[in-house]
């Protein structure tokens, strides 16, 4: 564990609150009450490389692996975005009766948590 920490960047492209962040070695992903997911390149001065639109309400949670980004929203959906095809929306998962507050994934499963319990 490092014994000192330094601010290296402030990412300001969202127009409203940022509610969630996930990262790997190459990107930072953020979800916001502006209904978008944004993708930032960690290897190019944290440049904004994609804005993912499609949610009808605030994005409460994001997760990622090598092939996809997953986002959960107040619109009661989970969306899956393809990292290898220009962040194209490849699935919208429905079934929750309330907002999706958390998402996670591994190689074969996406899980989500909602106020519908």
PDB file of N, CA and C in Angstrom:
ATOM      1  N   UNK A   1       0.841  -1.184   0.000  1.00  0.00           N
ATOM      2  CA  UNK A   1       0.000   0.000   0.000  1.00  0.00           C
ATOM      3  C   UNK A   1       0.882   1.243   0.000  1.00  0.00           C
ATOM      4  N   UNK A   2       0.509   2.169  -0.872  1.00  0.00           N
ATOM      5  CA  UNK A   2       1.281   3.413  -0.926  1.00  0.00           C
ATOM      6  C   UNK A   2       1.096   4.201   0.363  1.00  0.00           C
ATOM      7  N   UNK A   3       2.121   4.971   0.721  1.00  0.00           N
ATOM      8  CA  UNK A   3       1.995   5.796   1.919  1.00  0.00           C
ATOM      9  C   UNK A   3       1.706   7.256   1.584  1.00  0.00           C
ATOM     10  N   UNK A   4       1.648   7.567   0.297  1.00  0.00           N
ATOM     11  CA  UNK A   4       1.242   8.919  -0.095  1.00  0.00           C
ATOM     12  C   UNK A   4       0.398   8.831  -1.368  1.00  0.00           C
ATOM     13  N   UNK A   5      -0.535   9.726  -1.507  1.00  0.00           N
ATOM     14  CA  UNK A   5      -1.442   9.733  -2.643  1.00  0.00           C
ATOM     15  C   UNK A   5      -1.475  11.128  -3.237  1.00  0.00           C
ATOM     16  N   UNK A   6      -1.628  11.188  -4.561  1.00  0.00           N
ATOM     17  CA  UNK A   6      -1.631  12.463  -5.263  1.00  0.00           C
ATOM     18  C   UNK A   6      -2.758  12.474  -6.279  1.00  0.00           C
ATOM     19  N   UNK A   7      -3.488  13.572  -6.352  1.00  0.00           N
ATOM     20  CA  UNK A   7      -4.499  13.758  -7.380  1.00  0.00           C
ATOM     21  C   UNK A   7      -3.804  13.850  -8.727  1.00  0.00           C
ATOM     22  N   UNK A   8      -4.227  13.012  -9.686  1.00  0.00           N
ATOM     23  CA  UNK A   8      -3.583  13.047 -10.995  1.00  0.00           C
ATOM     24  C   UNK A   8      -4.501  13.578 -12.091  1.00  0.00           C
ATOM     25  N   UNK A   9      -5.803  13.598 -11.854  1.00  0.00           N
ATOM     26  CA  UNK A   9      -6.722  14.122 -12.873  1.00  0.00           C
ATOM     27  C   UNK A   9      -8.071  14.389 -12.240  1.00  0.00           C
ATOM     28  N   UNK A  10      -8.764  15.365 -12.807  1.00  0.00           N
ATOM     29  CA  UNK A  10     -10.159  15.625 -12.466  1.00  0.00           C
ATOM     30  C   UNK A  10     -10.948  15.543 -13.764  1.00  0.00           C
ATOM     31  N   UNK A  11     -11.896  14.631 -13.811  1.00  0.00           N
ATOM     32  CA  UNK A  11     -12.657  14.366 -15.033  1.00  0.00           C
ATOM     33  C   UNK A  11     -13.996  15.085 -14.924  1.00  0.00           C
ATOM     34  N   UNK A  12     -14.239  16.050 -15.803  1.00  0.00           N
ATOM     35  CA  UNK A  12     -15.353  16.973 -15.635  1.00  0.00           C
ATOM     36  C   UNK A  12     -16.390  16.955 -16.755  1.00  0.00           C
ATOM     37  N   UNK A  13     -16.536  15.908 -17.478  1.00  0.00           N
ATOM     38  CA  UNK A  13     -17.439  15.917 -18.627  1.00  0.00           C
ATOM     39  C   UNK A  13     -18.905  15.633 -18.291  1.00  0.00           C
ATOM     40  N   UNK A  14     -19.181  15.027 -17.150  1.00  0.00           N
ATOM     41  CA  UNK A  14     -20.583  14.816 -16.772  1.00  0.00           C
ATOM     42  C   UNK A  14     -21.221  16.164 -16.448  1.00  0.00           C
ATOM     43  N   UNK A  15     -22.524  16.277 -16.708  1.00  0.00           N
ATOM     44  CA  UNK A  15     -23.235  17.523 -16.429  1.00  0.00           C
ATOM     45  C   UNK A  15     -23.954  17.489 -15.090  1.00  0.00           C
ATOM     46  N   UNK A  16     -24.004  16.311 -14.458  1.00  0.00           N
ATOM     47  CA  UNK A  16     -24.634  16.181 -13.146  1.00  0.00           C
ATOM     48  C   UNK A  16     -23.783  15.261 -12.274  1.00  0.00           C
ATOM     49  N   UNK A  17     -24.332  14.844 -11.141  1.00  0.00           N
ATOM     50  CA  UNK A  17     -23.596  14.042 -10.164  1.00  0.00           C
ATOM     51  C   UNK A  17     -23.062  12.738 -10.738  1.00  0.00           C
ATOM     52  N   UNK A  18     -21.864  12.368 -10.336  1.00  0.00           N
ATOM     53  CA  UNK A  18     -21.310  11.055 -10.647  1.00  0.00           C
ATOM     54  C   UNK A  18     -21.622  10.134  -9.467  1.00  0.00           C
ATOM     55  N   UNK A  19     -22.285   9.016  -9.759  1.00  0.00           N
ATOM     56  CA  UNK A  19     -22.721   8.094  -8.710  1.00  0.00           C
ATOM     57  C   UNK A  19     -21.896   6.821  -8.638  1.00  0.00           C
ATOM     58  N   UNK A  20     -21.188   6.485  -9.705  1.00  0.00           N
ATOM     59  CA  UNK A  20     -20.429   5.236  -9.686  1.00  0.00           C
ATOM     60  C   UNK A  20     -19.220   5.321 -10.601  1.00  0.00           C
ATOM     61  N   UNK A  21     -18.197   4.561 -10.228  1.00  0.00           N
ATOM     62  CA  UNK A  21     -16.953   4.505 -10.990  1.00  0.00           C
ATOM     63  C   UNK A  21     -16.416   3.079 -10.941  1.00  0.00           C
ATOM     64  N   UNK A  22     -15.894   2.630 -12.076  1.00  0.00           N
ATOM     65  CA  UNK A  22     -15.187   1.350 -12.146  1.00  0.00           C
ATOM     66  C   UNK A  22     -13.977   1.569 -13.057  1.00  0.00           C
ATOM     67  N   UNK A  23     -12.950   0.751 -12.886  1.00  0.00           N
ATOM     68  CA  UNK A  23     -11.769   0.919 -13.715  1.00  0.00           C
ATOM     69  C   UNK A  23     -11.025  -0.385 -13.888  1.00  0.00           C
ATOM     70  N   UNK A  24     -10.222  -0.405 -14.939  1.00  0.00           N
ATOM     71  CA  UNK A  24      -9.236  -1.460 -15.136  1.00  0.00           C
ATOM     72  C   UNK A  24      -7.935  -0.788 -15.560  1.00  0.00           C
ATOM     73  N   UNK A  25      -7.022  -1.527 -16.145  1.00  0.00           N
ATOM     74  CA  UNK A  25      -5.722  -0.958 -16.509  1.00  0.00           C
ATOM     75  C   UNK A  25      -5.797   0.046 -17.653  1.00  0.00           C
ATOM     76  N   UNK A  26      -6.872   0.041 -18.429  1.00  0.00           N
ATOM     77  CA  UNK A  26      -6.930   0.888 -19.614  1.00  0.00           C
ATOM     78  C   UNK A  26      -7.966   1.999 -19.562  1.00  0.00           C
ATOM     79  N   UNK A  27      -9.067   1.808 -18.825  1.00  0.00           N
ATOM     80  CA  UNK A  27     -10.131   2.814 -18.823  1.00  0.00           C
ATOM     81  C   UNK A  27     -10.686   3.049 -17.420  1.00  0.00           C
ATOM     82  N   UNK A  28     -11.324   4.204 -17.283  1.00  0.00           N
ATOM     83  CA  UNK A  28     -12.178   4.515 -16.139  1.00  0.00           C
ATOM     84  C   UNK A  28     -13.588   4.679 -16.704  1.00  0.00           C
ATOM     85  N   UNK A  29     -14.568   4.106 -16.034  1.00  0.00           N
ATOM     86  CA  UNK A  29     -15.961   4.196 -16.455  1.00  0.00           C
ATOM     87  C   UNK A  29     -16.736   4.876 -15.338  1.00  0.00           C
ATOM     88  N   UNK A  30     -17.594   5.837 -15.703  1.00  0.00           N
ATOM     89  CA  UNK A  30     -18.382   6.545 -14.690  1.00  0.00           C
ATOM     90  C   UNK A  30     -19.848   6.582 -15.091  1.00  0.00           C
ATOM     91  N   UNK A  31     -20.720   6.502 -14.077  1.00  0.00           N
ATOM     92  CA  UNK A  31     -22.162   6.596 -14.292  1.00  0.00           C
ATOM     93  C   UNK A  31     -22.696   7.797 -13.537  1.00  0.00           C
ATOM     94  N   UNK A  32     -23.721   8.469 -14.108  1.00  0.00           N
ATOM     95  CA  UNK A  32     -24.127   9.767 -13.589  1.00  0.00           C
ATOM     96  C   UNK A  32     -25.634   9.964 -13.607  1.00  0.00           C
ATOM     97  N   UNK A  33     -26.065  10.955 -12.829  1.00  0.00           N
ATOM     98  CA  UNK A  33     -27.472  11.357 -12.865  1.00  0.00           C
ATOM     99  C   UNK A  33     -27.807  12.114 -14.146  1.00  0.00           C
ATOM    100  N   UNK A  34     -26.824  12.341 -15.021  1.00  0.00           N
ATOM    101  CA  UNK A  34     -27.131  12.902 -16.340  1.00  0.00           C
ATOM    102  C   UNK A  34     -27.564  11.821 -17.330  1.00  0.00           C
ATOM    103  N   UNK A  35     -27.809  10.602 -16.821  1.00  0.00           N
ATOM    104  CA  UNK A  35     -28.321   9.453 -17.580  1.00  0.00           C
ATOM    105  C   UNK A  35     -27.292   8.831 -18.524  1.00  0.00           C
ATOM    106  N   UNK A  36     -26.015   9.150 -18.345  1.00  0.00           N
ATOM    107  CA  UNK A  36     -24.998   8.622 -19.244  1.00  0.00           C
ATOM    108  C   UNK A  36     -23.936   7.822 -18.502  1.00  0.00           C
ATOM    109  N   UNK A  37     -23.227   7.030 -19.282  1.00  0.00           N
ATOM    110  CA  UNK A  37     -22.002   6.362 -18.857  1.00  0.00           C
ATOM    111  C   UNK A  37     -20.887   6.970 -19.701  1.00  0.00           C
ATOM    112  N   UNK A  38     -19.803   7.347 -19.058  1.00  0.00           N
ATOM    113  CA  UNK A  38     -18.667   7.900 -19.796  1.00  0.00           C
ATOM    114  C   UNK A  38     -17.453   6.995 -19.600  1.00  0.00           C
ATOM    115  N   UNK A  39     -16.628   6.924 -20.659  1.00  0.00           N
ATOM    116  CA  UNK A  39     -15.442   6.069 -20.669  1.00  0.00           C
ATOM    117  C   UNK A  39     -14.230   6.964 -20.929  1.00  0.00           C
ATOM    118  N   UNK A  40     -13.235   6.837 -20.058  1.00  0.00           N
ATOM    119  CA  UNK A  40     -12.034   7.683 -20.088  1.00  0.00           C
ATOM    120  C   UNK A  40     -10.820   6.796 -20.317  1.00  0.00           C
ATOM    121  N   UNK A  41      -9.888   7.235 -21.156  1.00  0.00           N
ATOM    122  CA  UNK A  41      -8.687   6.474 -21.482  1.00  0.00           C
ATOM    123  C   UNK A  41      -7.581   6.775 -20.472  1.00  0.00           C
ATOM    124  N   UNK A  42      -7.210   5.791 -19.689  1.00  0.00           N
ATOM    125  CA  UNK A  42      -6.168   5.981 -18.670  1.00  0.00           C
ATOM    126  C   UNK A  42      -4.785   6.139 -19.276  1.00  0.00           C
ATOM    127  N   UNK A  43      -4.606   5.684 -20.513  1.00  0.00           N
ATOM    128  CA  UNK A  43      -3.290   5.723 -21.143  1.00  0.00           C
ATOM    129  C   UNK A  43      -3.117   6.907 -22.090  1.00  0.00           C
ATOM    130  N   UNK A  44      -4.109   7.790 -22.143  1.00  0.00           N
ATOM    131  CA  UNK A  44      -4.045   8.968 -23.012  1.00  0.00           C
ATOM    132  C   UNK A  44      -4.543  10.196 -22.251  1.00  0.00           C
ATOM    133  N   UNK A  45      -3.894  10.489 -21.139  1.00  0.00           N
ATOM    134  CA  UNK A  45      -4.211  11.666 -20.322  1.00  0.00           C
ATOM    135  C   UNK A  45      -5.674  11.735 -19.899  1.00  0.00           C
ATOM    136  N   UNK A  46      -6.269  10.580 -19.666  1.00  0.00           N
ATOM    137  CA  UNK A  46      -7.652  10.506 -19.183  1.00  0.00           C
ATOM    138  C   UNK A  46      -8.637  11.179 -20.135  1.00  0.00           C
ATOM    139  N   UNK A  47      -8.354  11.067 -21.406  1.00  0.00           N
ATOM    140  CA  UNK A  47      -9.204  11.634 -22.452  1.00  0.00           C
ATOM    141  C   UNK A  47     -10.546  10.892 -22.483  1.00  0.00           C
ATOM    142  N   UNK A  48     -11.629  11.657 -22.650  1.00  0.00           N
ATOM    143  CA  UNK A  48     -12.949  11.056 -22.816  1.00  0.00           C
ATOM    144  C   UNK A  48     -13.000  10.374 -24.171  1.00  0.00           C
ATOM    145  N   UNK A  49     -13.289   9.060 -24.187  1.00  0.00           N
ATOM    146  CA  UNK A  49     -13.314   8.335 -25.458  1.00  0.00           C
ATOM    147  C   UNK A  49     -14.708   7.865 -25.848  1.00  0.00           C
ATOM    148  N   UNK A  50     -15.669   7.879 -24.915  1.00  0.00           N
ATOM    149  CA  UNK A  50     -17.031   7.475 -25.282  1.00  0.00           C
ATOM    150  C   UNK A  50     -18.025   8.007 -24.256  1.00  0.00           C
ATOM    151  N   UNK A  51     -19.186   8.390 -24.759  1.00  0.00           N
ATOM    152  CA  UNK A  51     -20.341   8.693 -23.919  1.00  0.00           C
ATOM    153  C   UNK A  51     -21.442   7.739 -24.328  1.00  0.00           C
ATOM    154  N   UNK A  52     -21.867   6.904 -23.403  1.00  0.00           N
ATOM    155  CA  UNK A  52     -22.859   5.873 -23.695  1.00  0.00           C
ATOM    156  C   UNK A  52     -24.228   6.377 -23.281  1.00  0.00           C
ATOM    157  N   UNK A  53     -25.107   6.501 -24.242  1.00  0.00           N
ATOM    158  CA  UNK A  53     -26.458   6.986 -23.989  1.00  0.00           C
ATOM    159  C   UNK A  53     -27.455   5.871 -24.259  1.00  0.00           C
ATOM    160  N   UNK A  54     -28.563   5.918 -23.592  1.00  0.00           N
ATOM    161  CA  UNK A  54     -29.572   4.878 -23.772  1.00  0.00           C
ATOM    162  C   UNK A  54     -30.410   4.680 -22.530  1.00  0.00           C
ATOM    163  N   UNK A  55     -29.863   5.022 -21.378  1.00  0.00           N
ATOM    164  CA  UNK A  55     -30.668   4.960 -20.160  1.00  0.00           C
ATOM    165  C   UNK A  55     -31.634   6.140 -20.142  1.00  0.00           C
ATOM    166  N   UNK A  56     -32.820   5.913 -19.593  1.00  0.00           N
ATOM    167  CA  UNK A  56     -33.846   6.948 -19.513  1.00  0.00           C
ATOM    168  C   UNK A  56     -33.808   7.705 -18.191  1.00  0.00           C
ATOM    169  N   UNK A  57     -32.896   7.304 -17.310  1.00  0.00           N
ATOM    170  CA  UNK A  57     -32.783   7.952 -16.009  1.00  0.00           C
ATOM    171  C   UNK A  57     -31.363   7.747 -15.470  1.00  0.00           C
ATOM    172  N   UNK A  58     -31.121   8.198 -14.258  1.00  0.00           N
ATOM    173  CA  UNK A  58     -29.789   8.187 -13.654  1.00  0.00           C
ATOM    174  C   UNK A  58     -29.136   6.803 -13.691  1.00  0.00           C
ATOM    175  N   UNK A  59     -27.822   6.808 -13.932  1.00  0.00           N
ATOM    176  CA  UNK A  59     -27.033   5.576 -13.910  1.00  0.00           C
ATOM    177  C   UNK A  59     -26.415   5.459 -12.523  1.00  0.00           C
ATOM    178  N   UNK A  60     -26.887   4.469 -11.756  1.00  0.00           N
ATOM    179  CA  UNK A  60     -26.443   4.291 -10.375  1.00  0.00           C
ATOM    180  C   UNK A  60     -25.206   3.413 -10.236  1.00  0.00           C
ATOM    181  N   UNK A  61     -24.968   2.524 -11.213  1.00  0.00           N
ATOM    182  CA  UNK A  61     -23.860   1.587 -11.029  1.00  0.00           C
ATOM    183  C   UNK A  61     -23.249   1.194 -12.363  1.00  0.00           C
ATOM    184  N   UNK A  62     -21.945   0.941 -12.333  1.00  0.00           N
ATOM    185  CA  UNK A  62     -21.221   0.464 -13.508  1.00  0.00           C
ATOM    186  C   UNK A  62     -20.233  -0.621 -13.091  1.00  0.00           C
ATOM    187  N   UNK A  63     -19.966  -1.513 -14.024  1.00  0.00           N
ATOM    188  CA  UNK A  63     -18.956  -2.558 -13.833  1.00  0.00           C
ATOM    189  C   UNK A  63     -18.395  -2.885 -15.209  1.00  0.00           C
ATOM    190  N   UNK A  64     -17.223  -3.511 -15.238  1.00  0.00           N
ATOM    191  CA  UNK A  64     -16.638  -3.851 -16.526  1.00  0.00           C
ATOM    192  C   UNK A  64     -15.739  -5.063 -16.420  1.00  0.00           C
ATOM    193  N   UNK A  65     -15.549  -5.699 -17.574  1.00  0.00           N
ATOM    194  CA  UNK A  65     -14.507  -6.701 -17.726  1.00  0.00           C
ATOM    195  C   UNK A  65     -13.818  -6.420 -19.052  1.00  0.00           C
ATOM    196  N   UNK A  66     -13.061  -7.363 -19.583  1.00  0.00           N
ATOM    197  CA  UNK A  66     -12.297  -7.108 -20.804  1.00  0.00           C
ATOM    198  C   UNK A  66     -13.174  -6.902 -22.033  1.00  0.00           C
ATOM    199  N   UNK A  67     -14.410  -7.400 -22.015  1.00  0.00           N
ATOM    200  CA  UNK A  67     -15.223  -7.332 -23.223  1.00  0.00           C
ATOM    201  C   UNK A  67     -16.450  -6.436 -23.134  1.00  0.00           C
ATOM    202  N   UNK A  68     -16.969  -6.194 -21.934  1.00  0.00           N
ATOM    203  CA  UNK A  68     -18.189  -5.404 -21.823  1.00  0.00           C
ATOM    204  C   UNK A  68     -18.140  -4.421 -20.659  1.00  0.00           C
ATOM    205  N   UNK A  69     -19.009  -3.418 -20.749  1.00  0.00           N
ATOM    206  CA  UNK A  69     -19.352  -2.536 -19.640  1.00  0.00           C
ATOM    207  C   UNK A  69     -20.811  -2.803 -19.331  1.00  0.00           C
ATOM    208  N   UNK A  70     -21.137  -2.864 -18.054  1.00  0.00           N
ATOM    209  CA  UNK A  70     -22.506  -3.084 -17.611  1.00  0.00           C
ATOM    210  C   UNK A  70     -22.923  -1.880 -16.780  1.00  0.00           C
ATOM    211  N   UNK A  71     -24.155  -1.401 -17.002  1.00  0.00           N
ATOM    212  CA  UNK A  71     -24.652  -0.254 -16.245  1.00  0.00           C
ATOM    213  C   UNK A  71     -26.052  -0.534 -15.717  1.00  0.00           C
ATOM    214  N   UNK A  72     -26.305  -0.083 -14.481  1.00  0.00           N
ATOM    215  CA  UNK A  72     -27.613  -0.220 -13.853  1.00  0.00           C
ATOM    216  C   UNK A  72     -28.192   1.151 -13.592  1.00  0.00           C
ATOM    217  N   UNK A  73     -29.516   1.282 -13.766  1.00  0.00           N
ATOM    218  CA  UNK A  73     -30.109   2.611 -13.771  1.00  0.00           C
ATOM    219  C   UNK A  73     -31.413   2.701 -12.990  1.00  0.00           C
ATOM    220  N   UNK A  74     -31.772   3.944 -12.685  1.00  0.00           N
ATOM    221  CA  UNK A  74     -33.079   4.240 -12.089  1.00  0.00           C
ATOM    222  C   UNK A  74     -34.207   3.899 -13.051  1.00  0.00           C
ATOM    223  N   UNK A  75     -33.901   3.699 -14.325  1.00  0.00           N
ATOM    224  CA  UNK A  75     -34.935   3.315 -15.293  1.00  0.00           C
ATOM    225  C   UNK A  75     -35.304   1.836 -15.220  1.00  0.00           C
ATOM    226  N   UNK A  76     -34.770   1.115 -14.214  1.00  0.00           N
ATOM    227  CA  UNK A  76     -35.074  -0.291 -13.921  1.00  0.00           C
ATOM    228  C   UNK A  76     -34.411  -1.279 -14.877  1.00  0.00           C
ATOM    229  N   UNK A  77     -33.420  -0.818 -15.646  1.00  0.00           N
ATOM    230  CA  UNK A  77     -32.755  -1.704 -16.596  1.00  0.00           C
ATOM    231  C   UNK A  77     -31.271  -1.853 -16.287  1.00  0.00           C
ATOM    232  N   UNK A  78     -30.727  -2.925 -16.837  1.00  0.00           N
ATOM    233  CA  UNK A  78     -29.282  -3.144 -16.892  1.00  0.00           C
ATOM    234  C   UNK A  78     -28.921  -3.148 -18.370  1.00  0.00           C
ATOM    235  N   UNK A  79     -27.946  -2.359 -18.747  1.00  0.00           N
ATOM    236  CA  UNK A  79     -27.514  -2.315 -20.143  1.00  0.00           C
ATOM    237  C   UNK A  79     -26.103  -2.879 -20.257  1.00  0.00           C
ATOM    238  N   UNK A  80     -25.856  -3.552 -21.377  1.00  0.00           N
ATOM    239  CA  UNK A  80     -24.563  -4.177 -21.651  1.00  0.00           C
ATOM    240  C   UNK A  80     -23.997  -3.544 -22.918  1.00  0.00           C
ATOM    241  N   UNK A  81     -22.779  -3.045 -22.809  1.00  0.00           N
ATOM    242  CA  UNK A  81     -22.117  -2.312 -23.886  1.00  0.00           C
ATOM    243  C   UNK A  81     -20.862  -3.067 -24.312  1.00  0.00           C
ATOM    244  N   UNK A  82     -20.630  -3.222 -25.624  1.00  0.00           N
ATOM    245  CA  UNK A  82     -19.513  -4.000 -26.157  1.00  0.00           C
ATOM    246  C   UNK A  82     -18.256  -3.133 -26.265  1.00  0.00           C
ATOM    247  N   UNK A  83     -17.264  -3.434 -25.469  1.00  0.00           N
ATOM    248  CA  UNK A  83     -16.005  -2.675 -25.494  1.00  0.00           C
ATOM    249  C   UNK A  83     -15.217  -2.892 -26.775  1.00  0.00           C
ATOM    250  N   UNK A  84     -15.458  -4.007 -27.446  1.00  0.00           N
ATOM    251  CA  UNK A  84     -14.688  -4.333 -28.647  1.00  0.00           C
ATOM    252  C   UNK A  84     -15.388  -3.907 -29.937  1.00  0.00           C
ATOM    253  N   UNK A  85     -16.554  -3.275 -29.823  1.00  0.00           N
ATOM    254  CA  UNK A  85     -17.299  -2.800 -30.997  1.00  0.00           C
ATOM    255  C   UNK A  85     -17.777  -1.368 -30.753  1.00  0.00           C
ATOM    256  N   UNK A  86     -16.826  -0.489 -30.451  1.00  0.00           N
ATOM    257  CA  UNK A  86     -17.098   0.933 -30.288  1.00  0.00           C
ATOM    258  C   UNK A  86     -18.157   1.224 -29.217  1.00  0.00           C
ATOM    259  N   UNK A  87     -18.186   0.406 -28.175  1.00  0.00           N
ATOM    260  CA  UNK A  87     -19.101   0.585 -27.043  1.00  0.00           C
ATOM    261  C   UNK A  87     -20.566   0.525 -27.465  1.00  0.00           C
ATOM    262  N   UNK A  88     -20.841  -0.286 -28.455  1.00  0.00           N
ATOM    263  CA  UNK A  88     -22.204  -0.485 -28.949  1.00  0.00           C
ATOM    264  C   UNK A  88     -23.070  -1.149 -27.878  1.00  0.00           C
ATOM    265  N   UNK A  89     -24.313  -0.683 -27.751  1.00  0.00           N
ATOM    266  CA  UNK A  89     -25.275  -1.312 -26.839  1.00  0.00           C
ATOM    267  C   UNK A  89     -25.660  -2.665 -27.421  1.00  0.00           C
ATOM    268  N   UNK A  90     -25.420  -3.739 -26.654  1.00  0.00           N
ATOM    269  CA  UNK A  90     -25.713  -5.079 -27.170  1.00  0.00           C
ATOM    270  C   UNK A  90     -26.848  -5.773 -26.435  1.00  0.00           C
ATOM    271  N   UNK A  91     -27.245  -5.250 -25.272  1.00  0.00           N
ATOM    272  CA  UNK A  91     -28.370  -5.864 -24.565  1.00  0.00           C
ATOM    273  C   UNK A  91     -28.954  -4.887 -23.558  1.00  0.00           C
ATOM    274  N   UNK A  92     -30.263  -4.945 -23.415  1.00  0.00           N
ATOM    275  CA  UNK A  92     -30.964  -4.257 -22.340  1.00  0.00           C
ATOM    276  C   UNK A  92     -31.711  -5.317 -21.552  1.00  0.00           C
ATOM    277  N   UNK A  93     -31.342  -5.482 -20.302  1.00  0.00           N
ATOM    278  CA  UNK A  93     -31.926  -6.507 -19.448  1.00  0.00           C
ATOM    279  C   UNK A  93     -33.010  -5.873 -18.587  1.00  0.00           C
ATOM    280  N   UNK A  94     -34.188  -6.461 -18.631  1.00  0.00           N
ATOM    281  CA  UNK A  94     -35.325  -5.952 -17.876  1.00  0.00           C
ATOM    282  C   UNK A  94     -35.780  -7.006 -16.884  1.00  0.00           C
ATOM    283  N   UNK A  95     -36.657  -6.614 -15.993  1.00  0.00           N
ATOM    284  CA  UNK A  95     -37.182  -7.561 -15.016  1.00  0.00           C
ATOM    285  C   UNK A  95     -37.280  -6.980 -13.626  1.00  0.00           C
ATOM    286  N   UNK A  96     -36.524  -5.927 -13.356  1.00  0.00           N
ATOM    287  CA  UNK A  96     -36.627  -5.275 -12.053  1.00  0.00           C
ATOM    288  C   UNK A  96     -37.869  -4.391 -11.997  1.00  0.00           C
ATOM    289  N   UNK A  97     -38.463  -4.317 -10.824  1.00  0.00           N
ATOM    290  CA  UNK A  97     -39.637  -3.473 -10.602  1.00  0.00           C
ATOM    291  C   UNK A  97     -39.257  -2.107 -10.048  1.00  0.00           C
ATOM    292  N   UNK A  98     -37.984  -1.924  -9.781  1.00  0.00           N
ATOM    293  CA  UNK A  98     -37.501  -0.667  -9.218  1.00  0.00           C
ATOM    294  C   UNK A  98     -36.100  -0.383  -9.755  1.00  0.00           C
ATOM    295  N   UNK A  99     -35.528   0.736  -9.347  1.00  0.00           N
ATOM    296  CA  UNK A  99     -34.210   1.147  -9.806  1.00  0.00           C
ATOM    297  C   UNK A  99     -33.148   0.079  -9.529  1.00  0.00           C
ATOM    298  N   UNK A 100     -32.172  -0.005 -10.425  1.00  0.00           N
ATOM    299  CA  UNK A 100     -31.042  -0.922 -10.268  1.00  0.00           C
ATOM    300  C   UNK A 100     -29.894  -0.131  -9.642  1.00  0.00           C
ATOM    301  N   UNK A 101     -29.551  -0.486  -8.405  1.00  0.00           N
ATOM    302  CA  UNK A 101     -28.536   0.248  -7.650  1.00  0.00           C
ATOM    303  C   UNK A 101     -27.141  -0.355  -7.718  1.00  0.00           C
ATOM    304  N   UNK A 102     -27.039  -1.627  -8.106  1.00  0.00           N
ATOM    305  CA  UNK A 102     -25.714  -2.236  -8.154  1.00  0.00           C
ATOM    306  C   UNK A 102     -25.655  -3.291  -9.254  1.00  0.00           C
ATOM    307  N   UNK A 103     -24.477  -3.376  -9.885  1.00  0.00           N
ATOM    308  CA  UNK A 103     -24.221  -4.405 -10.887  1.00  0.00           C
ATOM    309  C   UNK A 103     -22.822  -4.964 -10.670  1.00  0.00           C
ATOM    310  N   UNK A 104     -22.658  -6.208 -11.060  1.00  0.00           N
ATOM    311  CA  UNK A 104     -21.350  -6.865 -11.025  1.00  0.00           C
ATOM    312  C   UNK A 104     -21.357  -7.939 -12.102  1.00  0.00           C
ATOM    313  N   UNK A 105     -20.168  -8.378 -12.493  1.00  0.00           N
ATOM    314  CA  UNK A 105     -20.086  -9.429 -13.497  1.00  0.00           C
ATOM    315  C   UNK A 105     -18.812 -10.213 -13.341  1.00  0.00           C
ATOM    316  N   UNK A 106     -18.864 -11.438 -13.876  1.00  0.00           N
ATOM    317  CA  UNK A 106     -17.653 -12.221 -14.063  1.00  0.00           C
ATOM    318  C   UNK A 106     -17.707 -12.761 -15.492  1.00  0.00           C
ATOM    319  N   UNK A 107     -16.955 -13.780 -15.803  1.00  0.00           N
ATOM    320  CA  UNK A 107     -16.853 -14.237 -17.189  1.00  0.00           C
ATOM    321  C   UNK A 107     -18.170 -14.708 -17.802  1.00  0.00           C
ATOM    322  N   UNK A 108     -19.107 -15.152 -16.996  1.00  0.00           N
ATOM    323  CA  UNK A 108     -20.329 -15.722 -17.573  1.00  0.00           C
ATOM    324  C   UNK A 108     -21.623 -15.206 -16.966  1.00  0.00           C
ATOM    325  N   UNK A 109     -21.545 -14.354 -15.948  1.00  0.00           N
ATOM    326  CA  UNK A 109     -22.758 -13.949 -15.235  1.00  0.00           C
ATOM    327  C   UNK A 109     -22.740 -12.449 -14.962  1.00  0.00           C
ATOM    328  N   UNK A 110     -23.907 -11.816 -15.165  1.00  0.00           N
ATOM    329  CA  UNK A 110     -24.137 -10.444 -14.725  1.00  0.00           C
ATOM    330  C   UNK A 110     -25.145 -10.526 -13.593  1.00  0.00           C
ATOM    331  N   UNK A 111     -24.863  -9.860 -12.482  1.00  0.00           N
ATOM    332  CA  UNK A 111     -25.810  -9.805 -11.369  1.00  0.00           C
ATOM    333  C   UNK A 111     -26.154  -8.358 -11.101  1.00  0.00           C
ATOM    334  N   UNK A 112     -27.373  -8.144 -10.583  1.00  0.00           N
ATOM    335  CA  UNK A 112     -27.811  -6.777 -10.305  1.00  0.00           C
ATOM    336  C   UNK A 112     -28.613  -6.745  -9.025  1.00  0.00           C
ATOM    337  N   UNK A 113     -28.542  -5.622  -8.337  1.00  0.00           N
ATOM    338  CA  UNK A 113     -29.291  -5.414  -7.098  1.00  0.00           C
ATOM    339  C   UNK A 113     -30.222  -4.232  -7.264  1.00  0.00           C
ATOM    340  N   UNK A 114     -31.420  -4.360  -6.700  1.00  0.00           N
ATOM    341  CA  UNK A 114     -32.440  -3.339  -6.916  1.00  0.00           C
ATOM    342  C   UNK A 114     -33.220  -3.095  -5.638  1.00  0.00           C
ATOM    343  N   UNK A 115     -33.924  -1.981  -5.596  1.00  0.00           N
ATOM    344  CA  UNK A 115     -34.802  -1.693  -4.480  1.00  0.00           C
ATOM    345  C   UNK A 115     -36.001  -2.626  -4.437  1.00  0.00           C
ATOM    346  N   UNK A 116     -36.231  -3.395  -5.495  1.00  0.00           N
ATOM    347  CA  UNK A 116     -37.346  -4.350  -5.481  1.00  0.00           C
ATOM    348  C   UNK A 116     -37.008  -5.616  -4.680  1.00  0.00           C
ATOM    349  N   UNK A 117     -35.791  -5.677  -4.163  1.00  0.00           N
ATOM    350  CA  UNK A 117     -35.307  -6.752  -3.282  1.00  0.00           C
ATOM    351  C   UNK A 117     -35.213  -8.073  -4.015  1.00  0.00           C
TER     352      UNK A 117
END
